Amino acid sequence: TSNTIYVTTDLNDKNLWTSTVSLQDLHWIDDKPKRHKTYHARLRYQGPLVACTFAGNSLRLGEPVRGLAAGQSAVVYDHDRILGGGIVT
């Protein structure tokens, strides 16, 4: 990590949006999610569920999300069942 902070007044700046989220410290309650199956992830406390698929230790989001930061938790759901999750890097 570079410990660099970027500041902008443009809330739609393309650098604020991401479609792929890398995760570390993954923990699965039961089995690891299957590749190419659509799940949902909550990336903020009480945030909306976002459709996603798995690619290794990353989530590919169905729609871009604004303002994610390293250290936030990502919780993965299969319908109403929590599968587990990890920490955003």
N, C-alpha and C. Protein backbone atom coordinates (compact mmCIF):
# COMPACT_ATOMS: atom_id res chain seq x y z
N THR A 1 0.83 -1.18 0.00
CA THR A 1 0.00 0.00 0.00
C THR A 1 0.87 1.24 0.00
N SER A 2 0.34 2.28 -0.57
CA SER A 2 1.13 3.52 -0.70
C SER A 2 0.73 4.57 0.33
N ASN A 3 -0.32 4.32 1.12
CA ASN A 3 -0.79 5.31 2.10
C ASN A 3 -1.04 6.67 1.47
N THR A 4 -1.64 6.67 0.29
CA THR A 4 -1.93 7.89 -0.44
C THR A 4 -3.43 8.14 -0.42
N ILE A 5 -3.81 9.39 -0.20
CA ILE A 5 -5.21 9.79 -0.23
C ILE A 5 -5.41 10.74 -1.39
N TYR A 6 -6.45 10.48 -2.19
CA TYR A 6 -6.81 11.37 -3.30
C TYR A 6 -8.09 12.09 -2.93
N VAL A 7 -8.15 13.37 -3.24
CA VAL A 7 -9.30 14.19 -2.90
C VAL A 7 -9.90 14.76 -4.17
N THR A 8 -11.23 14.75 -4.24
CA THR A 8 -11.93 15.34 -5.38
C THR A 8 -13.26 15.92 -4.91
N THR A 9 -13.74 16.91 -5.62
CA THR A 9 -15.08 17.44 -5.34
C THR A 9 -16.10 16.88 -6.31
N ASP A 10 -15.63 16.10 -7.29
CA ASP A 10 -16.48 15.49 -8.30
C ASP A 10 -16.94 14.12 -7.81
N LEU A 11 -18.19 14.02 -7.34
CA LEU A 11 -18.70 12.76 -6.81
C LEU A 11 -18.82 11.67 -7.86
N ASN A 12 -18.76 12.03 -9.14
CA ASN A 12 -18.83 11.04 -10.21
C ASN A 12 -17.48 10.77 -10.85
N ASP A 13 -16.41 11.20 -10.21
CA ASP A 13 -15.06 10.94 -10.71
C ASP A 13 -14.90 9.44 -10.91
N LYS A 14 -14.42 9.03 -12.09
CA LYS A 14 -14.33 7.60 -12.42
C LYS A 14 -13.44 6.84 -11.44
N ASN A 15 -12.51 7.50 -10.78
CA ASN A 15 -11.62 6.83 -9.84
C ASN A 15 -12.31 6.45 -8.53
N LEU A 16 -13.50 6.96 -8.29
CA LEU A 16 -14.26 6.61 -7.09
C LEU A 16 -15.08 5.34 -7.26
N TRP A 17 -15.21 4.88 -8.48
CA TRP A 17 -16.08 3.73 -8.78
C TRP A 17 -15.25 2.48 -9.04
N THR A 18 -15.75 1.34 -8.58
CA THR A 18 -15.06 0.07 -8.81
C THR A 18 -16.06 -1.02 -9.16
N SER A 19 -15.61 -1.95 -10.01
CA SER A 19 -16.44 -3.09 -10.40
C SER A 19 -15.86 -4.41 -9.93
N THR A 20 -14.62 -4.38 -9.43
CA THR A 20 -13.96 -5.57 -8.91
C THR A 20 -13.40 -5.26 -7.53
N VAL A 21 -13.65 -6.13 -6.58
CA VAL A 21 -13.22 -5.93 -5.20
C VAL A 21 -12.31 -7.09 -4.80
N SER A 22 -11.07 -6.79 -4.45
CA SER A 22 -10.15 -7.81 -3.95
C SER A 22 -10.37 -7.98 -2.45
N LEU A 23 -10.32 -9.23 -2.00
CA LEU A 23 -10.57 -9.53 -0.59
C LEU A 23 -9.41 -10.29 0.04
N GLN A 24 -9.22 -10.07 1.33
CA GLN A 24 -8.25 -10.85 2.09
C GLN A 24 -8.95 -11.38 3.34
N ASP A 25 -8.27 -12.23 4.08
CA ASP A 25 -8.84 -12.82 5.31
C ASP A 25 -10.22 -13.41 5.06
N LEU A 26 -10.35 -14.15 3.97
CA LEU A 26 -11.63 -14.77 3.63
C LEU A 26 -12.03 -15.82 4.67
N HIS A 27 -13.30 -15.84 4.99
CA HIS A 27 -13.84 -16.83 5.91
C HIS A 27 -15.20 -17.29 5.40
N TRP A 28 -15.34 -18.59 5.22
CA TRP A 28 -16.61 -19.15 4.74
C TRP A 28 -17.21 -19.99 5.84
N ILE A 29 -18.50 -19.82 6.09
CA ILE A 29 -19.20 -20.53 7.14
C ILE A 29 -19.33 -22.00 6.80
N ASP A 30 -19.57 -22.30 5.54
CA ASP A 30 -19.71 -23.69 5.10
C ASP A 30 -18.75 -23.88 3.94
N ASP A 31 -19.25 -24.05 2.75
CA ASP A 31 -18.40 -24.24 1.58
C ASP A 31 -18.08 -22.91 0.92
N LYS A 32 -16.92 -22.87 0.26
CA LYS A 32 -16.54 -21.70 -0.50
C LYS A 32 -17.52 -21.52 -1.67
N PRO A 33 -17.89 -20.28 -1.99
CA PRO A 33 -18.82 -20.05 -3.10
C PRO A 33 -18.27 -20.59 -4.43
N LYS A 34 -19.19 -20.98 -5.29
CA LYS A 34 -18.82 -21.51 -6.61
C LYS A 34 -18.54 -20.38 -7.58
N ARG A 35 -17.59 -20.63 -8.47
CA ARG A 35 -17.30 -19.66 -9.52
C ARG A 35 -18.47 -19.63 -10.51
N HIS A 36 -18.68 -18.49 -11.10
CA HIS A 36 -19.68 -18.28 -12.16
C HIS A 36 -21.13 -18.34 -11.68
N LYS A 37 -21.35 -18.47 -10.39
CA LYS A 37 -22.71 -18.40 -9.85
C LYS A 37 -22.92 -16.99 -9.31
N THR A 38 -24.10 -16.45 -9.48
CA THR A 38 -24.38 -15.11 -8.99
C THR A 38 -24.80 -15.15 -7.53
N TYR A 39 -24.12 -14.35 -6.73
CA TYR A 39 -24.43 -14.16 -5.31
C TYR A 39 -24.74 -12.69 -5.11
N HIS A 40 -24.87 -12.28 -3.86
CA HIS A 40 -25.02 -10.86 -3.53
C HIS A 40 -24.06 -10.52 -2.40
N ALA A 41 -23.55 -9.30 -2.43
CA ALA A 41 -22.62 -8.85 -1.39
C ALA A 41 -23.12 -7.54 -0.79
N ARG A 42 -22.90 -7.42 0.51
CA ARG A 42 -23.16 -6.15 1.20
C ARG A 42 -21.78 -5.59 1.53
N LEU A 43 -21.49 -4.40 1.01
CA LEU A 43 -20.16 -3.83 1.12
C LEU A 43 -20.09 -2.69 2.13
N ARG A 44 -21.20 -2.33 2.71
CA ARG A 44 -21.28 -1.31 3.76
C ARG A 44 -22.33 -1.73 4.77
N TYR A 45 -22.16 -1.28 5.99
CA TYR A 45 -23.16 -1.55 7.03
C TYR A 45 -24.50 -1.01 6.54
N GLN A 46 -25.50 -1.84 6.48
CA GLN A 46 -26.84 -1.53 6.01
C GLN A 46 -26.87 -1.02 4.57
N GLY A 47 -25.81 -1.26 3.80
CA GLY A 47 -25.79 -0.88 2.39
C GLY A 47 -26.63 -1.83 1.57
N PRO A 48 -26.91 -1.45 0.33
CA PRO A 48 -27.71 -2.34 -0.52
C PRO A 48 -26.93 -3.60 -0.91
N LEU A 49 -27.65 -4.65 -1.21
CA LEU A 49 -27.02 -5.86 -1.74
C LEU A 49 -26.69 -5.62 -3.20
N VAL A 50 -25.49 -6.05 -3.60
CA VAL A 50 -25.03 -5.88 -4.97
C VAL A 50 -24.75 -7.26 -5.55
N ALA A 51 -25.29 -7.54 -6.73
CA ALA A 51 -25.03 -8.82 -7.39
C ALA A 51 -23.53 -8.95 -7.65
N CYS A 52 -23.00 -10.18 -7.51
CA CYS A 52 -21.57 -10.40 -7.73
C CYS A 52 -21.31 -11.85 -8.11
N THR A 53 -20.15 -12.08 -8.68
CA THR A 53 -19.64 -13.42 -8.94
C THR A 53 -18.22 -13.48 -8.38
N PHE A 54 -17.71 -14.69 -8.17
CA PHE A 54 -16.36 -14.87 -7.64
C PHE A 54 -15.36 -15.14 -8.73
N ALA A 55 -14.18 -14.59 -8.55
CA ALA A 55 -13.03 -14.86 -9.41
C ALA A 55 -11.81 -14.91 -8.50
N GLY A 56 -11.46 -16.09 -8.02
CA GLY A 56 -10.35 -16.22 -7.08
C GLY A 56 -10.70 -15.56 -5.75
N ASN A 57 -9.87 -14.60 -5.32
CA ASN A 57 -10.14 -13.88 -4.08
C ASN A 57 -10.77 -12.52 -4.35
N SER A 58 -11.46 -12.41 -5.47
CA SER A 58 -12.08 -11.14 -5.85
C SER A 58 -13.57 -11.34 -6.13
N LEU A 59 -14.31 -10.26 -5.94
CA LEU A 59 -15.71 -10.22 -6.32
C LEU A 59 -15.83 -9.36 -7.56
N ARG A 60 -16.53 -9.84 -8.56
CA ARG A 60 -16.86 -9.03 -9.73
C ARG A 60 -18.29 -8.56 -9.53
N LEU A 61 -18.45 -7.25 -9.42
CA LEU A 61 -19.75 -6.68 -9.11
C LEU A 61 -20.59 -6.51 -10.36
N GLY A 62 -21.89 -6.74 -10.22
CA GLY A 62 -22.82 -6.58 -11.33
C GLY A 62 -23.01 -5.13 -11.74
N GLU A 63 -22.73 -4.22 -10.82
CA GLU A 63 -22.80 -2.79 -11.11
C GLU A 63 -21.71 -2.10 -10.29
N PRO A 64 -21.10 -1.04 -10.81
CA PRO A 64 -20.03 -0.36 -10.07
C PRO A 64 -20.54 0.23 -8.75
N VAL A 65 -19.65 0.26 -7.77
CA VAL A 65 -19.96 0.82 -6.45
C VAL A 65 -18.98 1.97 -6.20
N ARG A 66 -19.50 3.04 -5.61
CA ARG A 66 -18.68 4.23 -5.37
C ARG A 66 -18.11 4.25 -3.96
N GLY A 67 -16.85 4.64 -3.86
CA GLY A 67 -16.23 4.97 -2.59
C GLY A 67 -15.85 3.83 -1.67
N LEU A 68 -15.54 2.66 -2.20
CA LEU A 68 -15.08 1.58 -1.33
C LEU A 68 -13.67 1.87 -0.87
N ALA A 69 -13.37 1.46 0.35
CA ALA A 69 -12.04 1.69 0.91
C ALA A 69 -11.50 0.40 1.50
N ALA A 70 -10.18 0.26 1.46
CA ALA A 70 -9.53 -0.89 2.07
C ALA A 70 -9.90 -0.95 3.55
N GLY A 71 -10.13 -2.16 4.04
CA GLY A 71 -10.48 -2.36 5.44
C GLY A 71 -11.96 -2.55 5.68
N GLN A 72 -12.79 -2.21 4.69
CA GLN A 72 -14.23 -2.44 4.83
C GLN A 72 -14.51 -3.93 4.69
N SER A 73 -15.58 -4.39 5.31
CA SER A 73 -15.98 -5.79 5.21
C SER A 73 -16.90 -6.00 4.02
N ALA A 74 -16.78 -7.16 3.42
CA ALA A 74 -17.69 -7.60 2.36
C ALA A 74 -18.35 -8.89 2.85
N VAL A 75 -19.66 -8.89 2.97
CA VAL A 75 -20.41 -10.07 3.41
C VAL A 75 -21.16 -10.61 2.21
N VAL A 76 -21.02 -11.91 1.96
CA VAL A 76 -21.59 -12.54 0.77
C VAL A 76 -22.79 -13.39 1.16
N TYR A 77 -23.85 -13.24 0.37
CA TYR A 77 -25.13 -13.93 0.61
C TYR A 77 -25.50 -14.80 -0.58
N ASP A 78 -26.16 -15.90 -0.29
CA ASP A 78 -26.83 -16.72 -1.29
C ASP A 78 -28.31 -16.65 -0.91
N HIS A 79 -29.04 -15.79 -1.57
CA HIS A 79 -30.42 -15.44 -1.19
C HIS A 79 -30.40 -14.84 0.21
N ASP A 80 -31.05 -15.45 1.20
CA ASP A 80 -31.07 -14.88 2.55
C ASP A 80 -30.07 -15.56 3.49
N ARG A 81 -29.18 -16.39 2.94
CA ARG A 81 -28.21 -17.14 3.73
C ARG A 81 -26.82 -16.51 3.62
N ILE A 82 -26.20 -16.20 4.74
CA ILE A 82 -24.85 -15.65 4.74
C ILE A 82 -23.86 -16.78 4.49
N LEU A 83 -22.99 -16.58 3.49
CA LEU A 83 -21.97 -17.58 3.18
C LEU A 83 -20.67 -17.27 3.90
N GLY A 84 -20.39 -16.01 4.14
CA GLY A 84 -19.13 -15.58 4.75
C GLY A 84 -18.69 -14.28 4.12
N GLY A 85 -17.39 -14.07 4.03
CA GLY A 85 -16.91 -12.85 3.42
C GLY A 85 -15.44 -12.62 3.68
N GLY A 86 -15.03 -11.35 3.55
CA GLY A 86 -13.63 -10.99 3.73
C GLY A 86 -13.48 -9.50 3.88
N ILE A 87 -12.24 -9.06 3.92
CA ILE A 87 -11.89 -7.66 4.10
C ILE A 87 -11.42 -7.09 2.76
N VAL A 88 -11.97 -5.94 2.38
CA VAL A 88 -11.59 -5.27 1.14
C VAL A 88 -10.14 -4.82 1.22
N THR A 89 -9.37 -5.11 0.16
CA THR A 89 -7.97 -4.64 0.11
C THR A 89 -7.81 -3.53 -0.90
